Amino acid sequence: MWAKLARFPWWPAECCEDNGTKGQSKPGAQLVQFFGANDYGFVLEKNLRPLADAPAQTLSAAASIALDKAQERVRQIQAPGGVIEAAV
């Protein structure tokens, strides 16, 4: 997915389970881990989009690498024996 925090560009991210170890959660926000930097943040649901719905911005080299990592993660999840298939 794409996630947007204030003062930062849209960035590829993955939703995470909030177990209370990453700080104070916010109402209407989802905990995400940003690809590339591996930082975490609580992002308002209105600032989340599907990975296929890319924002209208030019990607930096770091964001492009992070997008490649996000796309690889999607392939891992969708692969036979991946997380989605294992949960079925």
C-alpha atoms as a PDB file:
ATOM      1  CA  MET A   1       0.000   0.000   0.000  1.00  0.00           C
ATOM      2  CA  TRP A   2       0.931   3.641  -0.206  1.00  0.00           C
ATOM      3  CA  ALA A   3       1.002   5.612   3.047  1.00  0.00           C
ATOM      4  CA  LYS A   4       1.326   9.351   3.646  1.00  0.00           C
ATOM      5  CA  LEU A   5       2.505  11.081   6.797  1.00  0.00           C
ATOM      6  CA  ALA A   6       2.499  14.858   7.224  1.00  0.00           C
ATOM      7  CA  ARG A   7       5.602  16.527   5.743  1.00  0.00           C
ATOM      8  CA  PHE A   8       6.598  13.298   3.928  1.00  0.00           C
ATOM      9  CA  PRO A   9       5.858  12.056   0.401  1.00  0.00           C
ATOM     10  CA  TRP A  10       3.665   9.038  -0.275  1.00  0.00           C
ATOM     11  CA  TRP A  11       5.719   5.919   0.502  1.00  0.00           C
ATOM     12  CA  PRO A  12       5.264   2.150   0.017  1.00  0.00           C
ATOM     13  CA  ALA A  13       4.273   0.495   3.288  1.00  0.00           C
ATOM     14  CA  GLU A  14       2.765  -2.639   4.795  1.00  0.00           C
ATOM     15  CA  CYS A  15       0.092  -2.788   7.506  1.00  0.00           C
ATOM     16  CA  CYS A  16       1.269  -4.235  10.811  1.00  0.00           C
ATOM     17  CA  GLU A  17      -0.451  -5.570  13.865  1.00  0.00           C
ATOM     18  CA  ASP A  18      -0.473  -2.994  16.636  1.00  0.00           C
ATOM     19  CA  ASN A  19       0.732  -4.818  19.739  1.00  0.00           C
ATOM     20  CA  GLY A  20       1.422  -1.620  21.655  1.00  0.00           C
ATOM     21  CA  THR A  21       5.196  -1.670  21.170  1.00  0.00           C
ATOM     22  CA  LYS A  22       5.374   1.041  18.493  1.00  0.00           C
ATOM     23  CA  GLY A  23       3.956   3.913  20.482  1.00  0.00           C
ATOM     24  CA  GLN A  24       0.527   5.366  21.096  1.00  0.00           C
ATOM     25  CA  SER A  25      -2.085   4.434  18.527  1.00  0.00           C
ATOM     26  CA  LYS A  26      -4.449   7.059  17.180  1.00  0.00           C
ATOM     27  CA  PRO A  27      -8.176   6.672  16.490  1.00  0.00           C
ATOM     28  CA  GLY A  28      -8.761   6.001  12.791  1.00  0.00           C
ATOM     29  CA  ALA A  29      -5.076   5.233  12.168  1.00  0.00           C
ATOM     30  CA  GLN A  30      -3.324   2.056  11.055  1.00  0.00           C
ATOM     31  CA  LEU A  31       0.187   1.039  12.091  1.00  0.00           C
ATOM     32  CA  VAL A  32       2.391   0.583   9.021  1.00  0.00           C
ATOM     33  CA  GLN A  33       5.998  -0.301   8.361  1.00  0.00           C
ATOM     34  CA  PHE A  34       7.571   1.718   5.570  1.00  0.00           C
ATOM     35  CA  PHE A  35       9.603  -0.264   3.053  1.00  0.00           C
ATOM     36  CA  GLY A  36      13.226   0.748   2.621  1.00  0.00           C
ATOM     37  CA  ALA A  37      13.743   2.658   5.856  1.00  0.00           C
ATOM     38  CA  ASN A  38      11.840   0.058   7.928  1.00  0.00           C
ATOM     39  CA  ASP A  39      10.372   2.859  10.018  1.00  0.00           C
ATOM     40  CA  TYR A  40       6.944   2.496  11.605  1.00  0.00           C
ATOM     41  CA  GLY A  41       4.162   5.022  11.915  1.00  0.00           C
ATOM     42  CA  PHE A  42       0.474   5.417  12.594  1.00  0.00           C
ATOM     43  CA  VAL A  43      -1.170   6.632   9.389  1.00  0.00           C
ATOM     44  CA  LEU A  44      -4.743   7.873   9.148  1.00  0.00           C
ATOM     45  CA  GLU A  45      -6.883   5.583   7.014  1.00  0.00           C
ATOM     46  CA  LYS A  46      -7.638   8.491   4.656  1.00  0.00           C
ATOM     47  CA  ASN A  47      -3.884   8.606   3.916  1.00  0.00           C
ATOM     48  CA  LEU A  48      -3.642   4.963   2.804  1.00  0.00           C
ATOM     49  CA  ARG A  49      -4.097   3.675  -0.749  1.00  0.00           C
ATOM     50  CA  PRO A  50      -3.704   0.350  -2.527  1.00  0.00           C
ATOM     51  CA  LEU A  51      -0.275  -0.219  -4.046  1.00  0.00           C
ATOM     52  CA  ALA A  52      -1.848  -0.313  -7.529  1.00  0.00           C
ATOM     53  CA  ASP A  53      -3.227   3.219  -6.973  1.00  0.00           C
ATOM     54  CA  ALA A  54       0.087   5.060  -7.230  1.00  0.00           C
ATOM     55  CA  PRO A  55       0.114   8.728  -6.212  1.00  0.00           C
ATOM     56  CA  ALA A  56       0.836  11.401  -8.798  1.00  0.00           C
ATOM     57  CA  GLN A  57       4.398  12.155  -7.780  1.00  0.00           C
ATOM     58  CA  THR A  58       7.856  11.514  -9.128  1.00  0.00           C
ATOM     59  CA  LEU A  59       9.555   8.820  -7.065  1.00  0.00           C
ATOM     60  CA  SER A  60      12.967   9.415  -5.599  1.00  0.00           C
ATOM     61  CA  ALA A  61      15.581   6.689  -6.019  1.00  0.00           C
ATOM     62  CA  ALA A  62      14.927   5.546  -2.434  1.00  0.00           C
ATOM     63  CA  ALA A  63      11.154   5.444  -2.989  1.00  0.00           C
ATOM     64  CA  SER A  64      11.657   3.475  -6.196  1.00  0.00           C
ATOM     65  CA  ILE A  65      13.745   0.885  -4.318  1.00  0.00           C
ATOM     66  CA  ALA A  66      11.110   0.771  -1.567  1.00  0.00           C
ATOM     67  CA  LEU A  67       8.408   0.201  -4.217  1.00  0.00           C
ATOM     68  CA  ASP A  68      10.411  -2.726  -5.627  1.00  0.00           C
ATOM     69  CA  LYS A  69      10.570  -4.222  -2.112  1.00  0.00           C
ATOM     70  CA  ALA A  70       6.830  -3.724  -1.631  1.00  0.00           C
ATOM     71  CA  GLN A  71       6.067  -5.416  -4.946  1.00  0.00           C
ATOM     72  CA  GLU A  72       8.346  -8.329  -4.026  1.00  0.00           C
ATOM     73  CA  ARG A  73       6.475  -8.674  -0.711  1.00  0.00           C
ATOM     74  CA  VAL A  74       3.161  -8.850  -2.594  1.00  0.00           C
ATOM     75  CA  ARG A  75       4.593 -11.601  -4.830  1.00  0.00           C
ATOM     76  CA  GLN A  76       5.740 -13.543  -1.739  1.00  0.00           C
ATOM     77  CA  ILE A  77       2.307 -13.307  -0.165  1.00  0.00           C
ATOM     78  CA  GLN A  78       0.528 -14.364  -3.350  1.00  0.00           C
ATOM     79  CA  ALA A  79       2.918 -17.223  -4.210  1.00  0.00           C
ATOM     80  CA  PRO A  80       1.883 -20.832  -3.630  1.00  0.00           C
ATOM     81  CA  GLY A  81       2.497 -21.545   0.036  1.00  0.00           C
ATOM     82  CA  GLY A  82       2.618 -17.796   0.770  1.00  0.00           C
ATOM     83  CA  VAL A  83       0.887 -16.124   3.690  1.00  0.00           C
ATOM     84  CA  ILE A  84      -2.484 -15.785   1.940  1.00  0.00           C
ATOM     85  CA  GLU A  85      -2.521 -19.364   0.656  1.00  0.00           C
ATOM     86  CA  ALA A  86      -1.368 -20.741   4.007  1.00  0.00           C
ATOM     87  CA  ALA A  87      -4.241 -18.942   5.757  1.00  0.00           C
ATOM     88  CA  VAL A  88      -6.891 -20.481   3.491  1.00  0.00           C
END
